[in-house]
Protein backbone atom coordinates (compact mmCIF):
# COMPACT_ATOMS: atom_id res chain seq x y z
CA MET A 1 53.82 13.29 -68.15
CA THR A 2 57.30 12.00 -69.00
CA ASP A 3 58.78 9.74 -66.34
CA ALA A 4 62.06 10.72 -64.71
CA THR A 5 64.93 8.35 -64.04
CA ILE A 6 65.68 8.45 -60.32
CA GLN A 7 69.07 7.21 -59.16
CA LEU A 8 69.56 6.87 -55.43
CA MET A 9 71.47 4.95 -52.80
CA VAL A 10 68.77 3.43 -50.56
CA ASN A 11 69.96 1.76 -47.37
CA GLY A 12 73.33 1.10 -48.97
CA THR A 13 71.94 -0.34 -52.22
CA PRO A 14 72.16 1.53 -55.56
CA VAL A 15 68.72 2.08 -57.07
CA SER A 16 67.83 3.28 -60.58
CA GLN A 17 64.14 3.46 -61.34
CA THR A 18 61.70 5.55 -63.36
CA ALA A 19 58.81 7.39 -61.75
CA GLU A 20 56.65 10.42 -62.38
CA PRO A 21 58.53 13.61 -61.47
CA ARG A 22 55.77 14.52 -59.01
CA THR A 23 56.34 11.33 -56.95
CA HIS A 24 57.26 12.09 -53.37
CA LEU A 25 60.12 10.23 -51.74
CA ALA A 26 57.79 8.53 -49.24
CA ASP A 27 55.62 7.11 -52.05
CA PHE A 28 58.74 6.07 -53.96
CA LEU A 29 60.10 4.17 -50.95
CA ARG A 30 56.78 2.53 -50.10
CA GLU A 31 55.38 1.77 -53.54
CA GLU A 32 58.45 1.29 -55.72
CA MET A 33 60.93 -0.06 -53.15
CA LEU A 34 58.30 -1.75 -50.92
CA LEU A 35 59.96 -0.21 -47.85
CA THR A 36 56.76 0.32 -45.89
CA GLY A 37 58.49 1.15 -42.61
CA THR A 38 58.29 4.79 -43.70
CA HIS A 39 54.77 5.75 -42.59
CA LEU A 40 52.49 8.36 -44.14
CA GLY A 41 50.36 10.35 -41.73
CA CYS A 42 49.48 13.96 -42.54
CA GLU A 43 51.24 14.07 -45.96
CA GLN A 44 51.87 17.76 -45.27
CA GLY A 45 55.24 17.58 -43.52
CA VAL A 46 53.70 18.23 -40.11
CA CYS A 47 53.45 14.94 -38.18
CA GLY A 48 56.98 13.58 -38.72
CA ALA A 49 55.97 9.93 -39.21
CA CYS A 50 57.67 9.86 -42.63
CA THR A 51 61.04 11.23 -41.44
CA VAL A 52 64.05 9.55 -43.09
CA PHE A 53 67.70 10.52 -43.54
CA VAL A 54 68.62 12.16 -46.85
CA ASP A 55 72.39 12.58 -47.07
CA GLY A 56 72.46 12.12 -43.32
CA LYS A 57 69.94 14.87 -42.57
CA PRO A 58 66.43 14.21 -41.15
CA THR A 59 63.97 14.97 -43.94
CA ARG A 60 60.19 14.82 -44.37
CA SER A 61 59.86 12.32 -47.20
CA CYS A 62 56.16 13.13 -47.79
CA ILE A 63 56.99 16.64 -49.07
CA THR A 64 60.33 15.84 -50.71
CA LEU A 65 60.24 14.92 -54.39
CA ALA A 66 62.09 11.72 -55.22
CA ALA A 67 63.42 13.39 -58.38
CA ALA A 68 64.99 16.09 -56.21
CA CYS A 69 67.00 13.39 -54.42
CA THR A 70 68.89 12.13 -57.48
CA GLY A 71 72.37 11.16 -56.32
CA ALA A 72 71.36 11.23 -52.64
CA GLU A 73 71.92 8.60 -49.99
CA ILE A 74 68.62 7.63 -48.37
CA ARG A 75 68.42 5.81 -45.06
CA SER A 76 64.99 4.60 -43.97
CA VAL A 77 64.16 2.79 -40.73
CA GLU A 78 64.80 -0.57 -42.47
CA GLY A 79 68.42 0.40 -43.07
CA PHE A 80 69.61 0.35 -39.44
CA ASP A 81 69.63 -3.37 -38.65
CA GLU A 82 73.34 -3.47 -37.79
CA ASP A 83 73.67 0.10 -36.54
CA PRO A 84 74.79 0.08 -32.86
CA LEU A 85 73.23 3.46 -32.01
CA MET A 86 69.87 2.56 -33.53
CA ARG A 87 69.99 -0.78 -31.72
CA ALA A 88 70.47 1.10 -28.43
CA LEU A 89 67.52 3.37 -29.27
CA ARG A 90 65.24 0.44 -30.14
CA THR A 91 66.14 -1.27 -26.85
CA ALA A 92 65.49 1.92 -24.87
CA PHE A 93 62.14 2.49 -26.60
CA LYS A 94 61.04 -1.00 -25.55
CA LYS A 95 62.40 -0.58 -22.01
CA HIS A 96 60.64 2.75 -21.41
CA HIS A 97 57.47 1.94 -23.35
CA GLY A 98 58.20 4.61 -25.92
CA LEU A 99 55.68 3.19 -28.37
CA GLN A 100 52.14 1.92 -28.40
CA CYS A 101 50.46 1.73 -31.82
CA GLY A 102 53.87 2.23 -33.44
CA PHE A 103 52.72 4.47 -36.27
CA CYS A 104 54.97 7.38 -35.28
CA THR A 105 57.86 5.14 -34.20
CA PRO A 106 59.94 5.08 -37.45
CA GLY A 107 60.03 8.88 -37.54
CA MET A 108 60.65 9.07 -33.79
CA LEU A 109 63.62 6.69 -34.08
CA VAL A 110 65.19 8.69 -36.91
CA THR A 111 64.72 11.96 -35.00
CA GLY A 112 65.99 10.35 -31.79
CA TYR A 113 69.08 9.14 -33.65
CA ASP A 114 69.71 12.70 -34.84
CA ILE A 115 69.29 14.11 -31.32
CA VAL A 116 71.76 11.65 -29.78
CA ARG A 117 74.47 12.22 -32.39
CA ARG A 118 74.03 16.02 -32.50
CA LEU A 119 73.24 16.95 -28.88
CA PRO A 120 75.22 14.72 -26.52
CA ASN A 121 74.39 16.93 -23.52
CA ALA A 122 70.68 17.39 -24.22
CA ASP A 123 68.39 17.33 -21.19
CA ALA A 124 64.71 16.37 -21.13
CA ALA A 125 63.57 19.90 -21.98
CA ARG A 126 65.85 20.09 -25.01
CA ILE A 127 64.81 16.62 -26.18
CA ARG A 128 61.16 17.63 -25.93
CA LYS A 129 61.89 20.74 -28.03
CA GLU A 130 63.75 18.71 -30.67
CA LEU A 131 60.82 16.27 -30.86
CA SER A 132 58.33 19.10 -31.47
CA GLY A 133 58.13 18.19 -35.14
CA ASN A 134 57.13 14.57 -34.43
CA LEU A 135 53.58 13.92 -33.24
CA CYS A 136 52.44 10.94 -31.15
CA ARG A 137 48.80 10.30 -30.23
CA CYS A 138 49.44 7.44 -27.80
CA THR A 139 52.35 7.79 -25.41
CA GLY A 140 52.20 11.36 -24.16
CA TYR A 141 55.90 11.54 -25.15
CA ALA A 142 57.16 10.72 -21.65
CA GLY A 143 58.39 7.25 -22.58
CA ILE A 144 60.03 8.52 -25.77
CA ILE A 145 61.88 11.27 -23.92
CA ALA A 146 62.95 8.79 -21.21
CA ALA A 147 64.26 6.40 -23.88
CA ILE A 148 66.39 9.03 -25.62
CA THR A 149 67.64 10.32 -22.24
CA ASP A 150 68.61 6.77 -21.27
CA VAL A 151 70.70 6.35 -24.42
CA LEU A 152 72.39 9.73 -23.95
CA GLU A 153 73.31 8.96 -20.33
CA ASN A 154 74.84 5.55 -21.03
CA ALA A 155 77.76 6.17 -23.39
CA PRO A 156 75.88 5.92 -26.71
CA PRO A 157 77.72 4.26 -29.63
CA GLU A 158 79.04 6.55 -32.33
CA ALA A 159 76.51 7.30 -35.07
CA SER A 160 77.46 5.68 -38.37
CA VAL A 161 75.08 7.95 -40.31
CA GLN A 162 76.41 11.51 -40.49
CA PRO A 163 75.37 14.56 -42.54
CA HIS A 164 77.35 14.94 -45.75
CA ALA A 165 77.29 16.91 -48.98
CA ARG A 166 75.79 15.41 -52.10
CA ALA A 167 77.69 15.18 -55.35
CA GLN A 168 76.09 17.25 -58.11
CA GLN A 169 73.95 15.12 -60.40
CA PRO A 170 72.29 16.02 -63.72
CA GLN A 171 68.49 15.96 -63.67
CA SER A 172 66.16 14.87 -66.39
CA SER A 173 64.27 17.61 -68.18
CA ALA A 174 60.98 16.26 -66.81
CA ALA A 175 62.18 16.50 -63.22
CA THR A 176 63.71 19.92 -63.71
CA SER A 177 60.51 21.24 -65.28
CA LEU A 178 58.38 20.10 -62.35
CA LEU A 179 60.81 21.15 -59.64
CA ASP A 180 61.08 24.68 -60.99
CA ASN A 181 57.24 24.72 -60.96
CA GLN A 182 56.97 27.74 -63.20
CA ASP A 183 54.71 27.99 -66.22
CA THR A 184 56.94 30.35 -68.14
CA PRO A 185 60.42 31.15 -66.82
CA SER A 186 61.30 34.80 -66.84
CA PRO A 187 64.27 36.00 -68.89
CA GLN A 188 66.18 36.59 -65.67
CA THR A 189 65.61 33.00 -64.52
CA ALA A 190 66.90 31.68 -67.82
CA LYS A 191 70.13 33.61 -67.31
CA GLY A 192 70.92 32.66 -63.71
CA ASP A 193 69.94 30.99 -60.50
CA ALA A 194 66.39 31.72 -59.34
CA SER A 195 67.53 32.94 -55.93
CA THR A 196 69.54 35.77 -57.52
CA THR A 197 66.79 37.09 -59.76
CA ILE A 198 63.91 39.46 -59.02
CA PRO A 199 60.35 38.91 -60.23
CA ASP A 200 58.19 41.68 -61.68
CA ARG A 201 54.67 42.81 -60.86
CA HIS A 202 53.26 41.00 -63.87
CA SER A 203 54.47 37.61 -62.60
CA LEU A 204 52.53 38.15 -59.34
CA GLU A 205 49.22 39.07 -60.94
CA GLY A 206 46.40 36.96 -59.55
CA SER A 207 48.44 35.87 -56.51
CA PRO A 208 46.99 36.11 -52.99
CA THR A 209 47.20 39.52 -51.34
CA LEU A 210 47.12 40.61 -47.73
CA SER A 211 46.52 44.14 -46.42
CA ARG A 212 47.25 45.13 -42.85
CA THR A 213 47.80 48.29 -40.77
CA LEU A 214 50.05 48.72 -37.76
CA THR A 215 49.68 51.56 -35.26
CA PHE A 216 52.53 53.09 -33.26
CA ASP A 217 52.82 55.70 -30.50
CA THR A 218 56.23 56.72 -31.85
CA PRO A 219 56.53 59.72 -34.25
CA ALA A 220 56.25 58.94 -37.97
CA ALA A 221 59.76 60.24 -38.69
CA ASP A 222 61.26 57.75 -36.23
CA ILE A 223 59.27 54.85 -37.66
CA TRP A 224 60.30 55.84 -41.20
CA ASN A 225 63.92 55.95 -40.07
CA ILE A 226 63.69 52.22 -39.30
CA LEU A 227 61.68 51.25 -42.38
CA SER A 228 63.96 53.08 -44.80
CA ASP A 229 67.14 51.46 -43.47
CA PRO A 230 67.45 47.86 -44.79
CA LYS A 231 69.77 46.79 -41.99
CA LYS A 232 67.46 48.12 -39.26
CA ILE A 233 64.21 46.74 -40.66
CA VAL A 234 65.69 43.29 -41.40
CA SER A 235 66.82 43.11 -37.76
CA CYS A 236 63.16 43.45 -36.77
CA ILE A 237 62.06 40.34 -38.71
CA PRO A 238 62.48 36.98 -36.90
CA GLY A 239 64.80 34.66 -38.80
CA ALA A 240 65.84 37.26 -41.39
CA ARG A 241 69.42 38.15 -42.23
CA LEU A 242 70.77 40.84 -44.57
CA ASP A 243 73.93 39.81 -46.41
CA SER A 244 74.42 42.84 -48.66
CA ALA A 245 72.74 46.09 -49.75
CA THR A 246 73.69 48.34 -52.68
CA GLN A 247 73.11 52.04 -53.23
CA ASP A 248 70.43 51.33 -55.85
CA GLY A 249 68.33 49.36 -53.32
CA LYS A 250 69.25 45.81 -54.28
CA LEU A 251 69.28 43.53 -51.22
CA GLN A 252 70.56 40.00 -50.72
CA GLY A 253 69.89 37.84 -47.70
CA GLN A 254 67.97 34.93 -46.28
CA CYS A 255 65.14 34.02 -43.93
CA ALA A 256 65.38 30.87 -41.81
CA VAL A 257 62.29 28.92 -40.77
CA SER A 258 62.37 26.07 -38.25
CA MET A 259 59.68 23.47 -37.66
CA GLY A 260 60.99 20.74 -35.37
CA PRO A 261 63.86 19.03 -37.22
CA ILE A 262 62.90 20.69 -40.52
CA LYS A 263 64.93 23.79 -41.22
CA ALA A 264 64.34 25.77 -44.39
CA ALA A 265 66.40 28.77 -45.48
CA PHE A 266 64.99 30.96 -48.24
CA VAL A 267 68.01 32.63 -49.85
CA GLY A 268 67.30 35.38 -52.34
CA THR A 269 67.38 38.89 -53.69
CA ALA A 270 65.02 41.86 -53.41
CA LYS A 271 64.75 45.40 -54.75
CA MET A 272 63.69 48.26 -52.46
CA ASP A 273 62.47 51.61 -53.82
CA LEU A 274 61.78 54.45 -51.39
CA LYS A 275 59.98 57.80 -51.61
CA ASP A 276 61.23 59.70 -48.58
CA ALA A 277 59.01 62.74 -49.14
CA GLU A 278 55.87 60.57 -49.08
CA LYS A 279 57.25 58.10 -46.53
CA SER A 280 56.31 55.19 -48.80
CA GLY A 281 58.18 52.31 -50.35
CA HIS A 282 58.00 49.25 -52.54
CA VAL A 283 59.87 45.94 -52.14
CA ILE A 284 59.79 42.98 -54.52
CA GLY A 285 61.94 39.88 -54.30
CA ARG A 286 62.43 36.15 -54.65
CA GLY A 287 63.82 33.53 -52.29
CA ARG A 288 64.50 29.83 -52.76
CA ASP A 289 65.04 26.96 -50.33
CA SER A 290 67.43 24.51 -51.94
CA LEU A 291 66.47 21.46 -49.86
CA SER A 292 62.70 21.53 -50.46
CA ARG A 293 63.07 23.15 -53.92
CA SER A 294 60.45 25.69 -52.87
CA GLN A 295 60.39 29.25 -54.15
CA LEU A 296 58.75 32.33 -52.63
CA ASP A 297 58.04 35.46 -54.68
CA GLY A 298 56.77 38.45 -52.75
CA MET A 299 55.88 42.11 -53.15
CA LEU A 300 55.24 44.70 -50.45
CA ASP A 301 53.95 48.28 -50.69
CA PHE A 302 54.13 50.29 -47.48
CA HIS A 303 53.18 53.81 -46.46
CA VAL A 304 53.61 55.74 -43.19
CA THR A 305 50.93 58.30 -42.29
CA ARG A 306 49.60 60.07 -39.22
CA SER A 307 46.07 59.43 -38.00
CA GLU A 308 43.60 62.05 -36.78
CA THR A 309 44.32 60.98 -33.21
CA GLY A 310 48.05 61.59 -33.68
CA ASP A 311 49.14 57.95 -33.92
CA THR A 312 51.59 56.77 -36.58
CA VAL A 313 49.97 54.33 -39.01
CA LEU A 314 51.91 51.89 -41.20
CA SER A 315 49.84 50.52 -44.10
CA LEU A 316 51.01 47.27 -45.68
CA ASP A 317 49.86 45.63 -48.93
CA MET A 318 51.50 42.25 -49.48
CA THR A 319 51.34 39.90 -52.48
CA TYR A 320 52.97 36.47 -52.43
CA LYS A 321 53.38 33.28 -54.47
CA LEU A 322 54.84 30.11 -52.96
CA THR A 323 55.68 27.21 -55.28
CA GLY A 324 57.30 23.82 -54.75
CA THR A 325 56.73 21.23 -52.07
CA LEU A 326 56.05 23.81 -49.33
CA SER A 327 53.26 25.44 -51.33
CA GLN A 328 50.62 23.49 -49.40
CA PHE A 329 51.28 25.87 -46.48
CA SER A 330 50.33 28.90 -48.62
CA ARG A 331 46.56 28.72 -48.20
CA PRO A 332 45.37 32.34 -47.75
CA THR A 333 43.51 31.75 -44.46
CA LEU A 334 46.51 30.04 -42.87
CA VAL A 335 48.94 32.65 -44.22
CA ALA A 336 46.78 35.48 -42.89
CA GLU A 337 46.67 33.96 -39.39
CA ILE A 338 50.43 33.36 -39.31
CA ALA A 339 51.20 36.80 -40.80
CA ASP A 340 49.17 38.50 -38.08
CA ARG A 341 51.20 36.76 -35.40
CA ILE A 342 54.51 37.59 -37.06
CA LEU A 343 53.48 41.22 -37.51
CA VAL A 344 52.90 41.53 -33.77
CA GLN A 345 56.57 40.63 -33.24
CA VAL A 346 57.74 42.85 -36.10
CA ALA A 347 55.73 45.86 -34.90
CA SER A 348 57.08 45.48 -31.37
CA ALA A 349 60.64 45.32 -32.70
CA ILE A 350 60.17 48.35 -34.98
CA GLU A 351 58.80 50.47 -32.13
CA ALA A 352 61.59 49.37 -29.80
CA ARG A 353 64.29 50.28 -32.32
CA ALA A 354 62.59 53.58 -33.11
CA GLN A 355 62.80 54.39 -29.39
CA GLY A 356 66.47 53.42 -29.23
CA LYS A 357 65.88 50.10 -27.46
CA GLU A 358 66.89 46.54 -28.31
CA PRO A 359 63.87 44.44 -29.40
CA ASP A 360 63.25 41.21 -27.50
CA ALA A 361 61.18 39.52 -30.21
CA THR A 362 64.07 39.23 -32.67
CA ALA A 363 66.43 37.37 -30.35
CA GLN A 364 65.52 34.09 -32.10
CA THR A 365 67.69 33.08 -35.03
CA SER A 366 64.90 31.39 -36.95
CA LEU A 367 61.17 31.71 -37.35
CA ASN A 368 59.46 28.96 -35.34
CA GLY A 369 56.80 27.79 -37.77
CA LEU A 370 55.55 25.02 -35.47
CA SER A 371 54.69 27.38 -32.62
CA LEU A 372 52.98 29.73 -35.08
CA LEU A 373 50.90 26.87 -36.49
CA ALA A 374 50.03 25.74 -32.97
CA SER A 375 48.83 29.22 -32.04
CA VAL A 376 46.76 29.38 -35.24
CA PHE A 377 45.06 26.06 -34.51
CA LYS A 378 44.37 27.11 -30.91
CA GLY A 379 42.75 30.30 -32.21
CA TRP A 380 40.57 28.35 -34.63
CA PHE A 381 39.56 25.94 -31.87
CA ARG A 382 38.59 28.77 -29.51
CA ARG A 383 36.48 30.42 -32.21
CA VAL A 384 34.66 27.13 -32.92
CA LEU A 385 33.83 26.75 -29.23
CA TRP A 386 32.76 30.40 -29.01
CA PHE A 387 30.28 30.10 -31.89
CA ARG A 388 28.80 26.99 -30.34
C-alpha cells in the first residue's frame, strides 16, 4: 500500500509525515507523534477516551483517518498547557475527584471544555446528557459533573479553541482511494460528488438485507397516503429531513445521527418509484457524512396489503451497504436490533399521521444512536440471563 503524506497542525506545530492511508488519527498521534495522552479504549468510537479537537470540534480520533485530516488543526490533551479554561477544568477535576484511574480523563477534559464554551447555562442534567458519549468505569460521573458545574458557575475563562472551517487541501491518490472505499466507482460517482449520485441494484448485490412487517389498525388507503408522499413519510423518520422532491421521484435530504458529542449527518439523494394501483414502491439512494467520510447506500421495497383479519400490513425489504470509518457499526445483528427499535417509532408516527394526529416520536431533531445502542445491549443482557 502506498503511503500518504499527511500534513497537519498538531498542538500549534506544523507536521508533515507519511503514513499508511488506513492509519487512524489516534494511532498517528500516539505512534508517530508520541503524544500518548490520547487514550485508546474501545477503538470503535463508543467510549470517548480518544476524543480530541479537529478544527475545534470534538472528534473520535480512533475512527477518524489521519489522511482525512490533511490541512486540519488538531488539539490533543497535551496542547492545553497554557489554556486558561483547560487549567480551570483540570483544577476542578482534582478538587471534585473527577478522576481515579485517569484512562477516560483526556477525553473527559476535551468534552468538558466543549460543554463549557458551548453551553454556558448548562445544568447538571444537561451536562450528564452531553457526557453520554464518554464512558467512565471508576467515578460514577458525579465528580466529573460537579467539576464541570463548578467551572461554569465561576466565570470560566474564554475558550481559546473554537470551531472553524478547514481550508481545502489536495489529497494524495492513495488517501483518496482508501477514503472513498469503493472497489469500482460507478460512472455517476466519477462525474460528481458521491452524495448527489444514486446507486443501482447491481452495486448492492451481496449486501446485508433485512425484511420486516408492520401492522396497523388504520385502513390501507390512509397508510398508503402517508407512504406515497415523500414529505409526510420523511417527517415520520427520526432525524430525517427532506430538502427537495421532483415530479420524477428524485429526493434530496439528510439524516442526522447523534451519539454523545459525535454528530453525523448523511446528506444524499434517493429515487422513489411508486405503483399506486398495487400500493407498492421502491426507493434507492446514497448518503455521505463528510466528517467521518462514511457512505451509506440503501434500497427499500415496500408493499401495503390487507390481512385476513382486516389489519393493514406493510412489508419492508431493506438492503444496505455502509462503508468508511463508521462501517464497524454495520454488523447485521446490531443493525437488525437497532432497526427494530427505530421501526417502532416510525410505525407509531405513520399511524398517527394517517389518523390526522401529530406524532410524538419524531419530535427529536436527530437519531440518538447511543440510546439505541444502550437498549440493544440491555436486550442482549436480558436474553443471556434468561437462557441461563
